[in-house]
Amino acid sequence: MRRFTMTLSAMISALLLSACVSSGDYHHSAKNQVSTGFYAVVESVDPIKFKSHVGEGAAIGAVDGFVHNIYGDADDRLFGAIVGAFFGALVTSIAEGDTNGYEFHLQDLNGEYLSVILDDKDASVGDCVIVTIAGEVYLTRQADRYCYEEF
């Protein structure tokens, strides 16, 4: 039992430390991709919610907890299902992370409108941004001169 506890502690420590490591400005999805970008102005930002799978995680956990206690009495099966549902929902919630997102409505320098859905609010209404497309889409705030001044 002691060996299991030490192994589990080491795995959790490694996981927590790896979450803190950050290097570079490029996402892995930009690797081996053609990248393009253009300047645009943020016209509006709408908050959105991404679909959550916590309910499914709770259901799977409940079934697992029930099955693991199938040879127990009715109270064991019920308790196993409740605990399984709780941990199934908890693990799914942690894995999903934040389900809040933002829909950015942009106007490029040619007057064309487009929408981009992102999970971070890196820009506000009126900001000049460069829209980078490389497998995924990224917005990076820029100086106003890129969007409002004539070249």
C-alpha atoms as a PDB file:
ATOM      1  CA  MET A   1       0.000   0.000   0.000  1.00  0.00           C
ATOM      2  CA  ARG A   2       2.845   2.361   0.805  1.00  0.00           C
ATOM      3  CA  ARG A   3       4.395   1.814  -2.638  1.00  0.00           C
ATOM      4  CA  PHE A   4       1.068   2.630  -4.303  1.00  0.00           C
ATOM      5  CA  THR A   5       0.715   5.846  -2.275  1.00  0.00           C
ATOM      6  CA  MET A   6       4.240   6.975  -3.164  1.00  0.00           C
ATOM      7  CA  THR A   7       3.709   6.202  -6.863  1.00  0.00           C
ATOM      8  CA  LEU A   8       0.389   8.053  -6.885  1.00  0.00           C
ATOM      9  CA  SER A   9       1.977  11.059  -5.130  1.00  0.00           C
ATOM     10  CA  ALA A  10       4.803  11.152  -7.659  1.00  0.00           C
ATOM     11  CA  MET A  11       2.374  10.998 -10.583  1.00  0.00           C
ATOM     12  CA  ILE A  12       0.215  13.805  -9.188  1.00  0.00           C
ATOM     13  CA  SER A  13       3.291  15.962  -8.496  1.00  0.00           C
ATOM     14  CA  ALA A  14       4.573  15.451 -12.038  1.00  0.00           C
ATOM     15  CA  LEU A  15       1.157  16.333 -13.449  1.00  0.00           C
ATOM     16  CA  LEU A  16       0.901  19.524 -11.390  1.00  0.00           C
ATOM     17  CA  LEU A  17       4.426  20.622 -12.302  1.00  0.00           C
ATOM     18  CA  SER A  18       3.898  19.965 -16.003  1.00  0.00           C
ATOM     19  CA  ALA A  19       0.803  22.194 -15.912  1.00  0.00           C
ATOM     20  CA  CYS A  20       2.995  25.113 -14.834  1.00  0.00           C
ATOM     21  CA  VAL A  21       5.515  24.773 -17.656  1.00  0.00           C
ATOM     22  CA  SER A  22       5.087  27.164 -20.570  1.00  0.00           C
ATOM     23  CA  SER A  23       7.519  28.029 -23.288  1.00  0.00           C
ATOM     24  CA  GLY A  24       7.260  29.714 -26.655  1.00  0.00           C
ATOM     25  CA  ASP A  25       4.489  31.704 -28.267  1.00  0.00           C
ATOM     26  CA  TYR A  26       3.324  29.160 -30.827  1.00  0.00           C
ATOM     27  CA  HIS A  27       0.806  26.394 -30.306  1.00  0.00           C
ATOM     28  CA  HIS A  28       1.632  22.870 -31.435  1.00  0.00           C
ATOM     29  CA  SER A  29      -1.225  23.046 -33.954  1.00  0.00           C
ATOM     30  CA  ALA A  30       0.815  25.633 -35.905  1.00  0.00           C
ATOM     31  CA  LYS A  31       3.504  23.027 -36.590  1.00  0.00           C
ATOM     32  CA  ASN A  32       3.727  21.920 -40.246  1.00  0.00           C
ATOM     33  CA  GLN A  33       0.899  24.288 -41.224  1.00  0.00           C
ATOM     34  CA  VAL A  34       0.574  27.163 -43.627  1.00  0.00           C
ATOM     35  CA  SER A  35      -0.104  30.219 -41.524  1.00  0.00           C
ATOM     36  CA  THR A  36      -1.956  33.293 -42.696  1.00  0.00           C
ATOM     37  CA  GLY A  37      -3.049  36.433 -40.945  1.00  0.00           C
ATOM     38  CA  PHE A  38      -4.863  39.709 -41.443  1.00  0.00           C
ATOM     39  CA  TYR A  39      -5.752  42.794 -39.435  1.00  0.00           C
ATOM     40  CA  ALA A  40      -9.284  43.431 -38.232  1.00  0.00           C
ATOM     41  CA  VAL A  41     -11.229  45.559 -35.770  1.00  0.00           C
ATOM     42  CA  VAL A  42     -13.379  43.974 -33.043  1.00  0.00           C
ATOM     43  CA  GLU A  43     -16.948  45.159 -33.654  1.00  0.00           C
ATOM     44  CA  SER A  44     -18.585  43.231 -30.786  1.00  0.00           C
ATOM     45  CA  VAL A  45     -17.937  40.376 -28.351  1.00  0.00           C
ATOM     46  CA  ASP A  46     -20.652  37.967 -27.188  1.00  0.00           C
ATOM     47  CA  PRO A  47     -20.126  35.552 -24.277  1.00  0.00           C
ATOM     48  CA  ILE A  48     -21.030  31.939 -25.100  1.00  0.00           C
ATOM     49  CA  LYS A  49     -21.076  28.575 -23.277  1.00  0.00           C
ATOM     50  CA  PHE A  50     -19.415  25.482 -24.722  1.00  0.00           C
ATOM     51  CA  LYS A  51     -21.237  22.165 -24.401  1.00  0.00           C
ATOM     52  CA  SER A  52     -20.419  20.297 -21.213  1.00  0.00           C
ATOM     53  CA  HIS A  53     -20.250  16.518 -20.831  1.00  0.00           C
ATOM     54  CA  VAL A  54     -20.500  16.498 -17.030  1.00  0.00           C
ATOM     55  CA  GLY A  55     -23.879  14.750 -17.164  1.00  0.00           C
ATOM     56  CA  GLU A  56     -22.463  11.918 -19.257  1.00  0.00           C
ATOM     57  CA  GLY A  57     -19.464  11.642 -16.911  1.00  0.00           C
ATOM     58  CA  ALA A  58     -21.805  11.397 -13.930  1.00  0.00           C
ATOM     59  CA  ALA A  59     -23.865   8.691 -15.652  1.00  0.00           C
ATOM     60  CA  ILE A  60     -20.789   6.630 -16.516  1.00  0.00           C
ATOM     61  CA  GLY A  61     -19.469   7.023 -12.969  1.00  0.00           C
ATOM     62  CA  ALA A  62     -22.823   5.975 -11.510  1.00  0.00           C
ATOM     63  CA  VAL A  63     -22.923   2.828 -13.641  1.00  0.00           C
ATOM     64  CA  ASP A  64     -19.312   2.030 -12.744  1.00  0.00           C
ATOM     65  CA  GLY A  65     -19.976   2.535  -9.026  1.00  0.00           C
ATOM     66  CA  PHE A  66     -23.090   0.405  -9.206  1.00  0.00           C
ATOM     67  CA  VAL A  67     -21.336  -2.432 -11.092  1.00  0.00           C
ATOM     68  CA  HIS A  68     -18.374  -2.452  -8.702  1.00  0.00           C
ATOM     69  CA  ASN A  69     -20.815  -3.020  -5.837  1.00  0.00           C
ATOM     70  CA  ILE A  70     -23.098  -5.501  -7.619  1.00  0.00           C
ATOM     71  CA  TYR A  71     -22.457  -8.257  -5.066  1.00  0.00           C
ATOM     72  CA  GLY A  72     -23.185  -5.987  -2.111  1.00  0.00           C
ATOM     73  CA  ASP A  73     -26.585  -5.224  -0.677  1.00  0.00           C
ATOM     74  CA  ALA A  74     -28.908  -2.519  -2.039  1.00  0.00           C
ATOM     75  CA  ASP A  75     -27.301   0.185   0.123  1.00  0.00           C
ATOM     76  CA  ASP A  76     -23.829  -0.672  -1.212  1.00  0.00           C
ATOM     77  CA  ARG A  77     -25.046  -0.465  -4.810  1.00  0.00           C
ATOM     78  CA  LEU A  78     -26.812   2.845  -4.177  1.00  0.00           C
ATOM     79  CA  PHE A  79     -23.836   4.333  -2.342  1.00  0.00           C
ATOM     80  CA  GLY A  80     -21.478   3.094  -5.095  1.00  0.00           C
ATOM     81  CA  ALA A  81     -23.664   4.692  -7.759  1.00  0.00           C
ATOM     82  CA  ILE A  82     -23.823   8.021  -5.893  1.00  0.00           C
ATOM     83  CA  VAL A  83     -20.073   8.162  -5.239  1.00  0.00           C
ATOM     84  CA  GLY A  84     -19.347   7.049  -8.813  1.00  0.00           C
ATOM     85  CA  ALA A  85     -21.623   9.763 -10.197  1.00  0.00           C
ATOM     86  CA  PHE A  86     -19.908  12.395  -8.063  1.00  0.00           C
ATOM     87  CA  PHE A  87     -16.401  11.399  -9.111  1.00  0.00           C
ATOM     88  CA  GLY A  88     -17.429  10.883 -12.746  1.00  0.00           C
ATOM     89  CA  ALA A  89     -18.812  14.424 -12.846  1.00  0.00           C
ATOM     90  CA  LEU A  90     -15.796  15.819 -10.980  1.00  0.00           C
ATOM     91  CA  VAL A  91     -13.221  14.215 -13.284  1.00  0.00           C
ATOM     92  CA  THR A  92     -15.161  15.282 -16.392  1.00  0.00           C
ATOM     93  CA  SER A  93     -15.458  18.846 -15.093  1.00  0.00           C
ATOM     94  CA  ILE A  94     -11.720  19.033 -14.387  1.00  0.00           C
ATOM     95  CA  ALA A  95     -10.851  17.551 -17.789  1.00  0.00           C
ATOM     96  CA  GLU A  96     -13.141  19.974 -19.639  1.00  0.00           C
ATOM     97  CA  GLY A  97     -11.962  23.057 -17.804  1.00  0.00           C
ATOM     98  CA  ASP A  98     -13.791  26.321 -18.240  1.00  0.00           C
ATOM     99  CA  THR A  99     -16.829  26.109 -20.545  1.00  0.00           C
ATOM    100  CA  ASN A 100     -17.041  29.878 -21.055  1.00  0.00           C
ATOM    101  CA  GLY A 101     -16.105  31.273 -24.441  1.00  0.00           C
ATOM    102  CA  TYR A 102     -16.496  34.340 -26.620  1.00  0.00           C
ATOM    103  CA  GLU A 103     -17.741  34.994 -30.140  1.00  0.00           C
ATOM    104  CA  PHE A 104     -15.822  37.887 -31.684  1.00  0.00           C
ATOM    105  CA  HIS A 105     -17.456  39.791 -34.539  1.00  0.00           C
ATOM    106  CA  LEU A 106     -14.699  41.347 -36.627  1.00  0.00           C
ATOM    107  CA  GLN A 107     -14.411  43.666 -39.618  1.00  0.00           C
ATOM    108  CA  ASP A 108     -11.254  43.381 -41.701  1.00  0.00           C
ATOM    109  CA  LEU A 109      -9.575  46.237 -43.574  1.00  0.00           C
ATOM    110  CA  ASN A 110     -11.522  45.386 -46.756  1.00  0.00           C
ATOM    111  CA  GLY A 111     -14.836  45.893 -44.940  1.00  0.00           C
ATOM    112  CA  GLU A 112     -15.641  42.150 -44.736  1.00  0.00           C
ATOM    113  CA  TYR A 113     -17.290  40.803 -41.588  1.00  0.00           C
ATOM    114  CA  LEU A 114     -16.445  37.520 -39.913  1.00  0.00           C
ATOM    115  CA  SER A 115     -16.971  35.769 -36.602  1.00  0.00           C
ATOM    116  CA  VAL A 116     -14.405  33.881 -34.543  1.00  0.00           C
ATOM    117  CA  ILE A 117     -15.186  31.707 -31.510  1.00  0.00           C
ATOM    118  CA  LEU A 118     -12.432  31.533 -28.886  1.00  0.00           C
ATOM    119  CA  ASP A 119     -12.133  30.401 -25.289  1.00  0.00           C
ATOM    120  CA  ASP A 120     -10.238  33.509 -24.092  1.00  0.00           C
ATOM    121  CA  LYS A 121     -11.228  37.163 -24.190  1.00  0.00           C
ATOM    122  CA  ASP A 122      -7.939  38.575 -25.417  1.00  0.00           C
ATOM    123  CA  ALA A 123      -9.480  41.656 -27.048  1.00  0.00           C
ATOM    124  CA  SER A 124     -12.308  44.130 -26.479  1.00  0.00           C
ATOM    125  CA  VAL A 125     -14.662  46.116 -28.703  1.00  0.00           C
ATOM    126  CA  GLY A 126     -12.726  48.620 -30.821  1.00  0.00           C
ATOM    127  CA  ASP A 127      -9.380  46.830 -30.497  1.00  0.00           C
ATOM    128  CA  CYS A 128      -7.217  46.283 -33.525  1.00  0.00           C
ATOM    129  CA  VAL A 129      -6.215  42.616 -33.744  1.00  0.00           C
ATOM    130  CA  ILE A 130      -4.252  40.409 -36.066  1.00  0.00           C
ATOM    131  CA  VAL A 131      -6.178  37.231 -36.860  1.00  0.00           C
ATOM    132  CA  THR A 132      -3.730  34.350 -37.259  1.00  0.00           C
ATOM    133  CA  ILE A 133      -4.982  31.135 -38.819  1.00  0.00           C
ATOM    134  CA  ALA A 134      -2.719  28.091 -38.475  1.00  0.00           C
ATOM    135  CA  GLY A 135      -4.861  25.028 -37.850  1.00  0.00           C
ATOM    136  CA  GLU A 136      -6.582  27.068 -35.130  1.00  0.00           C
ATOM    137  CA  VAL A 137      -7.469  30.760 -34.994  1.00  0.00           C
ATOM    138  CA  TYR A 138      -5.762  33.236 -32.650  1.00  0.00           C
ATOM    139  CA  LEU A 139      -6.354  36.936 -31.966  1.00  0.00           C
ATOM    140  CA  THR A 140      -3.493  39.162 -30.872  1.00  0.00           C
ATOM    141  CA  ARG A 141      -4.024  42.818 -29.988  1.00  0.00           C
ATOM    142  CA  GLN A 142      -2.110  45.245 -32.204  1.00  0.00           C
ATOM    143  CA  ALA A 143      -1.477  48.962 -32.339  1.00  0.00           C
ATOM    144  CA  ASP A 144      -4.418  50.932 -33.730  1.00  0.00           C
ATOM    145  CA  ARG A 145      -2.276  52.252 -36.572  1.00  0.00           C
ATOM    146  CA  TYR A 146      -2.511  48.881 -38.319  1.00  0.00           C
ATOM    147  CA  CYS A 147      -6.312  49.078 -38.571  1.00  0.00           C
ATOM    148  CA  TYR A 148      -7.214  52.768 -38.610  1.00  0.00           C
ATOM    149  CA  GLU A 149      -4.468  54.602 -40.465  1.00  0.00           C
ATOM    150  CA  GLU A 150      -3.988  54.700 -44.217  1.00  0.00           C
ATOM    151  CA  PHE A 151      -0.831  53.065 -45.501  1.00  0.00           C
END
